[in-house]
All heavy atoms as atom14 arrays in JSON, in Angstrom:
{
  "sequence": "HVLEAMGLPDRVIDGALRISFSRYSTQEEAAYFLQRLQAAAE",
  "atom14_mask": [
    [1, 1, 1, 1, 1, 1, 1, 1, 1, 1, 0, 0, 0, 0],
    [1, 1, 1, 1, 1, 1, 1, 0, 0, 0, 0, 0, 0, 0],
    [1, 1, 1, 1, 1, 1, 1, 1, 0, 0, 0, 0, 0, 0],
    [1, 1, 1, 1, 1, 1, 1, 1, 1, 0, 0, 0, 0, 0],
    [1, 1, 1, 1, 1, 0, 0, 0, 0, 0, 0, 0, 0, 0],
    [1, 1, 1, 1, 1, 1, 1, 1, 0, 0, 0, 0, 0, 0],
    [1, 1, 1, 1, 0, 0, 0, 0, 0, 0, 0, 0, 0, 0],
    [1, 1, 1, 1, 1, 1, 1, 1, 0, 0, 0, 0, 0, 0],
    [1, 1, 1, 1, 1, 1, 1, 0, 0, 0, 0, 0, 0, 0],
    [1, 1, 1, 1, 1, 1, 1, 1, 0, 0, 0, 0, 0, 0],
    [1, 1, 1, 1, 1, 1, 1, 1, 1, 1, 1, 0, 0, 0],
    [1, 1, 1, 1, 1, 1, 1, 0, 0, 0, 0, 0, 0, 0],
    [1, 1, 1, 1, 1, 1, 1, 1, 0, 0, 0, 0, 0, 0],
    [1, 1, 1, 1, 1, 1, 1, 1, 0, 0, 0, 0, 0, 0],
    [1, 1, 1, 1, 0, 0, 0, 0, 0, 0, 0, 0, 0, 0],
    [1, 1, 1, 1, 1, 0, 0, 0, 0, 0, 0, 0, 0, 0],
    [1, 1, 1, 1, 1, 1, 1, 1, 0, 0, 0, 0, 0, 0],
    [1, 1, 1, 1, 1, 1, 1, 1, 1, 1, 1, 0, 0, 0],
    [1, 1, 1, 1, 1, 1, 1, 1, 0, 0, 0, 0, 0, 0],
    [1, 1, 1, 1, 1, 1, 0, 0, 0, 0, 0, 0, 0, 0],
    [1, 1, 1, 1, 1, 1, 1, 1, 1, 1, 1, 0, 0, 0],
    [1, 1, 1, 1, 1, 1, 0, 0, 0, 0, 0, 0, 0, 0],
    [1, 1, 1, 1, 1, 1, 1, 1, 1, 1, 1, 0, 0, 0],
    [1, 1, 1, 1, 1, 1, 1, 1, 1, 1, 1, 1, 0, 0],
    [1, 1, 1, 1, 1, 1, 0, 0, 0, 0, 0, 0, 0, 0],
    [1, 1, 1, 1, 1, 1, 1, 0, 0, 0, 0, 0, 0, 0],
    [1, 1, 1, 1, 1, 1, 1, 1, 1, 0, 0, 0, 0, 0],
    [1, 1, 1, 1, 1, 1, 1, 1, 1, 0, 0, 0, 0, 0],
    [1, 1, 1, 1, 1, 1, 1, 1, 1, 0, 0, 0, 0, 0],
    [1, 1, 1, 1, 1, 0, 0, 0, 0, 0, 0, 0, 0, 0],
    [1, 1, 1, 1, 1, 0, 0, 0, 0, 0, 0, 0, 0, 0],
    [1, 1, 1, 1, 1, 1, 1, 1, 1, 1, 1, 1, 0, 0],
    [1, 1, 1, 1, 1, 1, 1, 1, 1, 1, 1, 0, 0, 0],
    [1, 1, 1, 1, 1, 1, 1, 1, 0, 0, 0, 0, 0, 0],
    [1, 1, 1, 1, 1, 1, 1, 1, 1, 0, 0, 0, 0, 0],
    [1, 1, 1, 1, 1, 1, 1, 1, 1, 1, 1, 0, 0, 0],
    [1, 1, 1, 1, 1, 1, 1, 1, 0, 0, 0, 0, 0, 0],
    [1, 1, 1, 1, 1, 1, 1, 1, 1, 0, 0, 0, 0, 0],
    [1, 1, 1, 1, 1, 0, 0, 0, 0, 0, 0, 0, 0, 0],
    [1, 1, 1, 1, 1, 0, 0, 0, 0, 0, 0, 0, 0, 0],
    [1, 1, 1, 1, 1, 0, 0, 0, 0, 0, 0, 0, 0, 0],
    [1, 1, 1, 1, 1, 1, 1, 1, 1, 0, 0, 0, 0, 0]
  ],
  "atom14_positions": [
    [[13.91, 78.81, 126.32], [13.24, 80.15, 126.39], [12.08, 80.11, 127.2], [11.52, 81.11, 127.81], [12.92, 80.76, 125.03], [11.83, 79.81, 124.25], [12.0, 78.83, 123.61], [10.49, 80.2, 124.24], [10.99, 78.44, 123.11], [9.9, 79.19, 123.45], [0.0, 0.0, 0.0], [0.0, 0.0, 0.0], [0.0, 0.0, 0.0], [0.0, 0.0, 0.0]],
    [[11.42, 78.83, 127.37], [10.23, 78.71, 128.19], [10.61, 78.93, 129.65], [9.8, 79.72, 130.37], [9.6, 77.33, 128.01], [8.4, 77.06, 128.98], [9.12, 77.17, 126.57], [0.0, 0.0, 0.0], [0.0, 0.0, 0.0], [0.0, 0.0, 0.0], [0.0, 0.0, 0.0], [0.0, 0.0, 0.0], [0.0, 0.0, 0.0], [0.0, 0.0, 0.0]],
    [[11.6, 78.25, 130.06], [12.0, 78.35, 131.57], [12.52, 79.78, 131.87], [12.35, 80.21, 132.96], [12.93, 77.26, 131.89], [12.6, 75.79, 131.63], [13.73, 74.83, 132.12], [11.32, 75.53, 132.29], [0.0, 0.0, 0.0], [0.0, 0.0, 0.0], [0.0, 0.0, 0.0], [0.0, 0.0, 0.0], [0.0, 0.0, 0.0], [0.0, 0.0, 0.0]],
    [[13.06, 80.29, 131.0], [13.64, 81.67, 131.16], [12.42, 82.69, 131.35], [12.38, 83.6, 132.08], [14.5, 82.15, 129.92], [15.83, 81.6, 129.91], [16.72, 82.16, 128.83], [16.28, 82.34, 127.75], [17.96, 82.13, 129.04], [0.0, 0.0, 0.0], [0.0, 0.0, 0.0], [0.0, 0.0, 0.0], [0.0, 0.0, 0.0], [0.0, 0.0, 0.0]],
    [[11.35, 82.45, 130.49], [10.21, 83.35, 130.48], [9.49, 83.2, 131.8], [8.82, 84.07, 132.26], [9.25, 83.04, 129.28], [0.0, 0.0, 0.0], [0.0, 0.0, 0.0], [0.0, 0.0, 0.0], [0.0, 0.0, 0.0], [0.0, 0.0, 0.0], [0.0, 0.0, 0.0], [0.0, 0.0, 0.0], [0.0, 0.0, 0.0], [0.0, 0.0, 0.0]],
    [[9.65, 81.91, 132.45], [8.94, 81.77, 133.74], [9.73, 82.48, 134.78], [9.31, 82.46, 136.03], [8.92, 80.26, 134.12], [7.84, 79.52, 133.05], [8.07, 77.66, 133.21], [7.54, 77.37, 134.96], [0.0, 0.0, 0.0], [0.0, 0.0, 0.0], [0.0, 0.0, 0.0], [0.0, 0.0, 0.0], [0.0, 0.0, 0.0], [0.0, 0.0, 0.0]],
    [[10.86, 83.03, 134.56], [11.6, 83.66, 135.62], [12.27, 82.79, 136.55], [12.63, 83.32, 137.61], [0.0, 0.0, 0.0], [0.0, 0.0, 0.0], [0.0, 0.0, 0.0], [0.0, 0.0, 0.0], [0.0, 0.0, 0.0], [0.0, 0.0, 0.0], [0.0, 0.0, 0.0], [0.0, 0.0, 0.0], [0.0, 0.0, 0.0], [0.0, 0.0, 0.0]],
    [[12.67, 81.62, 136.14], [13.34, 80.72, 137.06], [14.88, 81.09, 137.25], [15.4, 81.64, 136.31], [13.23, 79.23, 136.48], [11.82, 78.75, 136.42], [11.79, 77.23, 135.7], [11.12, 78.59, 137.72], [0.0, 0.0, 0.0], [0.0, 0.0, 0.0], [0.0, 0.0, 0.0], [0.0, 0.0, 0.0], [0.0, 0.0, 0.0], [0.0, 0.0, 0.0]],
    [[15.34, 80.69, 138.37], [16.87, 81.08, 138.48], [17.7, 80.27, 137.59], [17.29, 79.21, 137.13], [17.07, 80.54, 140.01], [15.67, 80.57, 140.65], [14.76, 80.19, 139.53], [0.0, 0.0, 0.0], [0.0, 0.0, 0.0], [0.0, 0.0, 0.0], [0.0, 0.0, 0.0], [0.0, 0.0, 0.0], [0.0, 0.0, 0.0], [0.0, 0.0, 0.0]],
    [[18.92, 80.9, 137.31], [19.76, 80.18, 136.28], [20.1, 78.83, 136.71], [20.18, 77.88, 135.87], [20.98, 80.94, 136.13], [20.84, 82.29, 135.37], [19.76, 82.53, 134.68], [21.64, 83.23, 135.5], [0.0, 0.0, 0.0], [0.0, 0.0, 0.0], [0.0, 0.0, 0.0], [0.0, 0.0, 0.0], [0.0, 0.0, 0.0], [0.0, 0.0, 0.0]],
    [[20.34, 78.57, 138.08], [20.7, 77.34, 138.46], [19.71, 76.18, 138.25], [20.01, 75.08, 137.9], [21.07, 77.29, 140.02], [22.4, 77.81, 140.37], [22.43, 78.13, 141.8], [22.02, 77.06, 142.66], [22.82, 76.08, 143.04], [24.17, 76.04, 142.59], [22.39, 75.09, 143.86], [0.0, 0.0, 0.0], [0.0, 0.0, 0.0], [0.0, 0.0, 0.0]],
    [[18.41, 76.67, 138.32], [17.29, 75.78, 138.05], [17.16, 75.38, 136.55], [16.99, 74.29, 136.11], [15.95, 76.34, 138.52], [14.72, 75.49, 138.13], [16.02, 76.38, 140.05], [0.0, 0.0, 0.0], [0.0, 0.0, 0.0], [0.0, 0.0, 0.0], [0.0, 0.0, 0.0], [0.0, 0.0, 0.0], [0.0, 0.0, 0.0], [0.0, 0.0, 0.0]],
    [[17.35, 76.53, 135.79], [17.21, 76.22, 134.38], [18.31, 75.38, 133.75], [18.1, 74.47, 133.01], [17.29, 77.69, 133.52], [16.01, 78.51, 133.95], [17.33, 77.37, 132.02], [16.13, 79.92, 133.37], [0.0, 0.0, 0.0], [0.0, 0.0, 0.0], [0.0, 0.0, 0.0], [0.0, 0.0, 0.0], [0.0, 0.0, 0.0], [0.0, 0.0, 0.0]],
    [[19.55, 75.62, 134.28], [20.64, 74.82, 133.76], [20.65, 73.42, 134.17], [21.44, 72.58, 133.67], [21.99, 75.57, 134.24], [22.27, 76.8, 133.61], [21.64, 77.19, 132.58], [22.95, 77.73, 134.2], [0.0, 0.0, 0.0], [0.0, 0.0, 0.0], [0.0, 0.0, 0.0], [0.0, 0.0, 0.0], [0.0, 0.0, 0.0], [0.0, 0.0, 0.0]],
    [[19.9, 73.13, 135.31], [19.86, 71.69, 135.75], [18.5, 71.03, 135.35], [18.19, 69.99, 135.95], [0.0, 0.0, 0.0], [0.0, 0.0, 0.0], [0.0, 0.0, 0.0], [0.0, 0.0, 0.0], [0.0, 0.0, 0.0], [0.0, 0.0, 0.0], [0.0, 0.0, 0.0], [0.0, 0.0, 0.0], [0.0, 0.0, 0.0], [0.0, 0.0, 0.0]],
    [[17.76, 71.54, 134.35], [16.41, 71.04, 134.07], [16.45, 69.86, 133.22], [17.28, 69.79, 132.27], [15.63, 72.21, 133.44], [0.0, 0.0, 0.0], [0.0, 0.0, 0.0], [0.0, 0.0, 0.0], [0.0, 0.0, 0.0], [0.0, 0.0, 0.0], [0.0, 0.0, 0.0], [0.0, 0.0, 0.0], [0.0, 0.0, 0.0], [0.0, 0.0, 0.0]],
    [[15.51, 69.05, 133.4], [15.26, 67.74, 132.56], [13.79, 67.66, 132.34], [12.92, 68.06, 133.11], [15.68, 66.56, 133.3], [17.17, 66.34, 133.56], [17.36, 65.08, 134.4], [17.93, 66.28, 132.25], [0.0, 0.0, 0.0], [0.0, 0.0, 0.0], [0.0, 0.0, 0.0], [0.0, 0.0, 0.0], [0.0, 0.0, 0.0], [0.0, 0.0, 0.0]],
    [[13.4, 67.37, 131.1], [11.97, 67.11, 130.75], [11.89, 65.67, 130.68], [12.5, 64.97, 129.78], [11.6, 67.81, 129.53], [10.21, 67.62, 129.03], [9.77, 68.13, 127.63], [10.41, 67.38, 126.62], [10.32, 67.78, 125.25], [9.54, 68.78, 124.96], [10.98, 67.16, 124.32], [0.0, 0.0, 0.0], [0.0, 0.0, 0.0], [0.0, 0.0, 0.0]],
    [[10.99, 65.12, 131.36], [10.47, 63.71, 131.33], [9.09, 63.56, 130.7], [8.18, 64.22, 131.3], [10.49, 63.05, 132.7], [11.77, 63.48, 133.63], [10.42, 61.48, 132.69], [12.99, 63.28, 133.01], [0.0, 0.0, 0.0], [0.0, 0.0, 0.0], [0.0, 0.0, 0.0], [0.0, 0.0, 0.0], [0.0, 0.0, 0.0], [0.0, 0.0, 0.0]],
    [[8.92, 62.79, 129.79], [7.59, 62.66, 129.03], [7.31, 61.28, 128.65], [8.14, 60.48, 128.24], [7.67, 63.51, 127.71], [8.75, 63.38, 126.97], [0.0, 0.0, 0.0], [0.0, 0.0, 0.0], [0.0, 0.0, 0.0], [0.0, 0.0, 0.0], [0.0, 0.0, 0.0], [0.0, 0.0, 0.0], [0.0, 0.0, 0.0], [0.0, 0.0, 0.0]],
    [[5.9, 60.88, 128.91], [5.52, 59.53, 128.78], [4.73, 59.3, 127.63], [4.15, 60.18, 126.94], [4.68, 59.21, 130.08], [5.49, 59.69, 131.41], [5.05, 60.8, 132.05], [6.52, 58.92, 131.84], [5.57, 61.21, 133.21], [7.17, 59.22, 133.01], [6.74, 60.43, 133.64], [0.0, 0.0, 0.0], [0.0, 0.0, 0.0], [0.0, 0.0, 0.0]],
    [[4.42, 58.03, 127.26], [3.52, 57.56, 126.3], [2.72, 56.42, 126.76], [2.8, 55.9, 127.95], [4.27, 57.18, 125.04], [4.76, 55.93, 125.13], [0.0, 0.0, 0.0], [0.0, 0.0, 0.0], [0.0, 0.0, 0.0], [0.0, 0.0, 0.0], [0.0, 0.0, 0.0], [0.0, 0.0, 0.0], [0.0, 0.0, 0.0], [0.0, 0.0, 0.0]],
    [[1.9, 55.78, 125.94], [1.11, 54.61, 126.27], [2.04, 53.5, 126.69], [1.6, 52.53, 127.36], [0.13, 54.25, 125.1], [0.84, 53.85, 123.93], [-0.15, 53.53, 122.67], [-1.09, 52.55, 123.14], [-0.98, 51.24, 122.87], [0.2, 50.82, 122.4], [-2.01, 50.55, 123.17], [0.0, 0.0, 0.0], [0.0, 0.0, 0.0], [0.0, 0.0, 0.0]],
    [[3.2, 53.43, 126.38], [4.16, 52.38, 126.52], [4.92, 52.51, 127.75], [5.55, 51.56, 128.17], [5.05, 52.32, 125.33], [4.42, 51.88, 124.03], [4.39, 52.87, 122.98], [3.8, 50.67, 123.82], [3.71, 52.49, 121.78], [3.15, 50.34, 122.55], [3.26, 51.32, 121.58], [2.55, 51.06, 120.41], [0.0, 0.0, 0.0], [0.0, 0.0, 0.0]],
    [[4.92, 53.65, 128.45], [5.66, 53.93, 129.64], [5.22, 53.1, 130.89], [3.92, 52.92, 130.92], [5.56, 55.36, 129.99], [6.08, 56.11, 129.0], [0.0, 0.0, 0.0], [0.0, 0.0, 0.0], [0.0, 0.0, 0.0], [0.0, 0.0, 0.0], [0.0, 0.0, 0.0], [0.0, 0.0, 0.0], [0.0, 0.0, 0.0], [0.0, 0.0, 0.0]],
    [[6.04, 52.55, 131.64], [5.65, 51.65, 132.8], [6.31, 52.12, 134.09], [7.15, 52.91, 134.13], [6.19, 50.25, 132.6], [7.56, 50.27, 132.58], [5.76, 49.75, 131.15], [0.0, 0.0, 0.0], [0.0, 0.0, 0.0], [0.0, 0.0, 0.0], [0.0, 0.0, 0.0], [0.0, 0.0, 0.0], [0.0, 0.0, 0.0], [0.0, 0.0, 0.0]],
    [[5.64, 51.67, 135.17], [6.04, 52.04, 136.47], [7.55, 51.58, 136.73], [8.38, 52.09, 137.46], [5.13, 51.33, 137.52], [5.46, 51.65, 138.99], [5.48, 53.04, 139.42], [4.56, 53.8, 139.09], [6.48, 53.57, 140.16], [0.0, 0.0, 0.0], [0.0, 0.0, 0.0], [0.0, 0.0, 0.0], [0.0, 0.0, 0.0], [0.0, 0.0, 0.0]],
    [[7.83, 50.33, 136.22], [9.16, 49.77, 136.3], [10.14, 50.73, 135.77], [11.25, 50.91, 136.29], [9.16, 48.33, 135.64], [10.55, 47.76, 135.79], [10.57, 46.34, 134.99], [9.62, 46.07, 134.17], [11.54, 45.7, 135.26], [0.0, 0.0, 0.0], [0.0, 0.0, 0.0], [0.0, 0.0, 0.0], [0.0, 0.0, 0.0], [0.0, 0.0, 0.0]],
    [[9.81, 51.32, 134.61], [10.69, 52.33, 133.89], [10.93, 53.55, 134.73], [12.03, 54.09, 134.91], [10.25, 52.57, 132.55], [10.3, 51.41, 131.64], [9.66, 51.83, 130.31], [8.77, 52.73, 130.24], [10.05, 51.21, 129.2], [0.0, 0.0, 0.0], [0.0, 0.0, 0.0], [0.0, 0.0, 0.0], [0.0, 0.0, 0.0], [0.0, 0.0, 0.0]],
    [[9.81, 53.99, 135.32], [9.85, 55.13, 136.28], [10.7, 54.8, 137.43], [11.49, 55.7, 137.78], [8.55, 55.56, 136.57], [0.0, 0.0, 0.0], [0.0, 0.0, 0.0], [0.0, 0.0, 0.0], [0.0, 0.0, 0.0], [0.0, 0.0, 0.0], [0.0, 0.0, 0.0], [0.0, 0.0, 0.0], [0.0, 0.0, 0.0], [0.0, 0.0, 0.0]],
    [[10.73, 53.65, 138.05], [11.46, 53.4, 139.25], [12.93, 53.28, 138.79], [13.86, 53.7, 139.52], [10.99, 52.03, 139.88], [0.0, 0.0, 0.0], [0.0, 0.0, 0.0], [0.0, 0.0, 0.0], [0.0, 0.0, 0.0], [0.0, 0.0, 0.0], [0.0, 0.0, 0.0], [0.0, 0.0, 0.0], [0.0, 0.0, 0.0], [0.0, 0.0, 0.0]],
    [[13.22, 52.69, 137.66], [14.64, 52.55, 137.22], [15.12, 54.0, 136.92], [16.33, 54.28, 137.17], [14.62, 51.74, 135.9], [15.98, 51.58, 135.37], [16.97, 50.82, 135.93], [16.36, 52.12, 134.09], [18.27, 50.71, 135.46], [17.57, 51.98, 133.56], [18.59, 51.26, 134.21], [19.76, 51.18, 133.58], [0.0, 0.0, 0.0], [0.0, 0.0, 0.0]],
    [[14.36, 54.83, 136.21], [14.86, 56.23, 136.02], [15.21, 56.97, 137.36], [16.32, 57.53, 137.47], [13.73, 57.01, 135.3], [13.87, 58.41, 135.38], [14.81, 59.15, 134.53], [13.27, 59.26, 136.31], [15.04, 60.52, 134.47], [13.4, 60.6, 136.29], [14.35, 61.27, 135.58], [0.0, 0.0, 0.0], [0.0, 0.0, 0.0], [0.0, 0.0, 0.0]],
    [[14.48, 56.84, 138.26], [14.66, 57.51, 139.54], [16.02, 56.89, 140.32], [16.78, 57.67, 140.71], [13.53, 57.27, 140.5], [13.62, 57.74, 142.06], [13.79, 59.21, 141.98], [12.4, 57.34, 142.88], [0.0, 0.0, 0.0], [0.0, 0.0, 0.0], [0.0, 0.0, 0.0], [0.0, 0.0, 0.0], [0.0, 0.0, 0.0], [0.0, 0.0, 0.0]],
    [[16.01, 55.65, 140.25], [17.25, 55.03, 140.82], [18.51, 55.55, 140.05], [19.6, 55.83, 140.8], [17.17, 53.4, 140.64], [18.46, 52.67, 141.09], [18.32, 51.29, 140.55], [18.21, 51.02, 139.43], [18.55, 50.31, 141.57], [0.0, 0.0, 0.0], [0.0, 0.0, 0.0], [0.0, 0.0, 0.0], [0.0, 0.0, 0.0], [0.0, 0.0, 0.0]],
    [[18.54, 55.6, 138.73], [19.7, 55.94, 137.94], [19.98, 57.53, 138.06], [21.09, 57.93, 138.02], [19.61, 55.59, 136.65], [19.35, 54.12, 136.21], [20.23, 53.22, 137.26], [21.65, 53.49, 137.16], [22.56, 53.17, 138.14], [22.23, 52.56, 139.28], [23.95, 53.48, 137.9], [0.0, 0.0, 0.0], [0.0, 0.0, 0.0], [0.0, 0.0, 0.0]],
    [[18.87, 58.33, 138.16], [19.03, 59.72, 138.44], [19.68, 59.97, 139.79], [20.55, 60.9, 139.87], [17.78, 60.45, 138.27], [17.69, 61.98, 138.42], [18.53, 62.61, 137.43], [16.29, 62.53, 138.49], [0.0, 0.0, 0.0], [0.0, 0.0, 0.0], [0.0, 0.0, 0.0], [0.0, 0.0, 0.0], [0.0, 0.0, 0.0], [0.0, 0.0, 0.0]],
    [[19.27, 59.34, 140.66], [19.8, 59.48, 142.04], [21.22, 59.05, 142.12], [22.17, 59.74, 142.74], [18.91, 58.6, 143.09], [19.37, 58.78, 144.53], [18.64, 57.88, 145.5], [17.83, 57.07, 145.08], [18.65, 58.33, 146.83], [0.0, 0.0, 0.0], [0.0, 0.0, 0.0], [0.0, 0.0, 0.0], [0.0, 0.0, 0.0], [0.0, 0.0, 0.0]],
    [[21.7, 57.94, 141.48], [23.02, 57.47, 141.34], [23.78, 58.53, 140.68], [25.0, 58.76, 141.04], [22.95, 56.11, 140.65], [0.0, 0.0, 0.0], [0.0, 0.0, 0.0], [0.0, 0.0, 0.0], [0.0, 0.0, 0.0], [0.0, 0.0, 0.0], [0.0, 0.0, 0.0], [0.0, 0.0, 0.0], [0.0, 0.0, 0.0], [0.0, 0.0, 0.0]],
    [[23.27, 59.08, 139.49], [24.08, 60.05, 138.85], [24.31, 61.23, 139.68], [25.51, 61.83, 139.64], [23.3, 60.38, 137.54], [0.0, 0.0, 0.0], [0.0, 0.0, 0.0], [0.0, 0.0, 0.0], [0.0, 0.0, 0.0], [0.0, 0.0, 0.0], [0.0, 0.0, 0.0], [0.0, 0.0, 0.0], [0.0, 0.0, 0.0], [0.0, 0.0, 0.0]],
    [[23.38, 61.71, 140.33], [23.49, 62.97, 141.31], [24.57, 62.7, 142.27], [25.28, 63.51, 142.55], [22.22, 63.23, 141.85], [0.0, 0.0, 0.0], [0.0, 0.0, 0.0], [0.0, 0.0, 0.0], [0.0, 0.0, 0.0], [0.0, 0.0, 0.0], [0.0, 0.0, 0.0], [0.0, 0.0, 0.0], [0.0, 0.0, 0.0], [0.0, 0.0, 0.0]],
    [[24.56, 61.45, 142.89], [25.47, 61.22, 143.97], [26.93, 61.04, 143.39], [27.91, 61.46, 144.08], [25.07, 59.88, 144.66], [23.76, 59.99, 145.48], [23.33, 58.73, 146.05], [23.87, 57.67, 145.72], [22.38, 58.67, 146.94], [0.0, 0.0, 0.0], [0.0, 0.0, 0.0], [0.0, 0.0, 0.0], [0.0, 0.0, 0.0], [0.0, 0.0, 0.0]]
  ]
}
Protein backbone atom coordinates (compact mmCIF):
# COMPACT_ATOMS: atom_id res chain seq x y z
CA HIS A 1 0.00 0.00 0.00
CA VAL A 2 3.02 2.28 0.48
CA LEU A 3 4.17 2.04 -3.12
CA GLU A 4 0.59 2.36 -4.33
CA ALA A 5 0.15 5.53 -2.28
CA MET A 6 3.28 6.94 -3.93
CA GLY A 7 1.50 6.62 -7.27
CA LEU A 8 4.11 4.32 -8.82
CA PRO A 9 3.26 2.42 -12.01
CA ASP A 10 2.02 -1.15 -11.59
CA ARG A 11 5.12 -2.54 -13.32
CA VAL A 12 7.35 -0.83 -10.77
CA ILE A 13 5.31 -2.00 -7.79
CA ASP A 14 5.10 -5.58 -9.02
CA GLY A 15 8.87 -5.76 -9.48
CA ALA A 16 9.82 -4.09 -6.20
CA LEU A 17 12.32 -5.43 -3.65
CA ARG A 18 13.23 -4.05 -0.23
CA ILE A 19 16.87 -4.42 0.77
CA SER A 20 17.64 -3.61 4.39
CA PHE A 21 20.90 -3.69 6.31
CA SER A 22 22.13 -4.11 9.88
CA ARG A 23 25.40 -3.74 11.76
CA TYR A 24 26.39 -7.16 10.42
CA SER A 25 25.96 -6.35 6.70
CA THR A 26 29.13 -6.23 4.59
CA GLN A 27 30.38 -4.94 1.25
CA GLU A 28 31.12 -8.52 0.21
CA GLU A 29 27.47 -9.42 0.78
CA ALA A 30 26.29 -6.38 -1.18
CA ALA A 31 28.52 -7.34 -4.14
CA TYR A 32 27.25 -10.92 -4.02
CA PHE A 33 23.64 -9.70 -3.94
CA LEU A 34 24.23 -7.50 -6.99
CA GLN A 35 25.87 -10.37 -8.87
CA ARG A 36 23.04 -12.81 -8.15
CA LEU A 37 20.30 -10.23 -8.84
CA GLN A 38 21.88 -9.50 -12.22
CA ALA A 39 22.13 -13.22 -12.96
CA ALA A 40 18.49 -13.75 -11.97
CA ALA A 41 17.34 -10.92 -14.21
CA GLU A 42 19.31 -12.27 -17.17
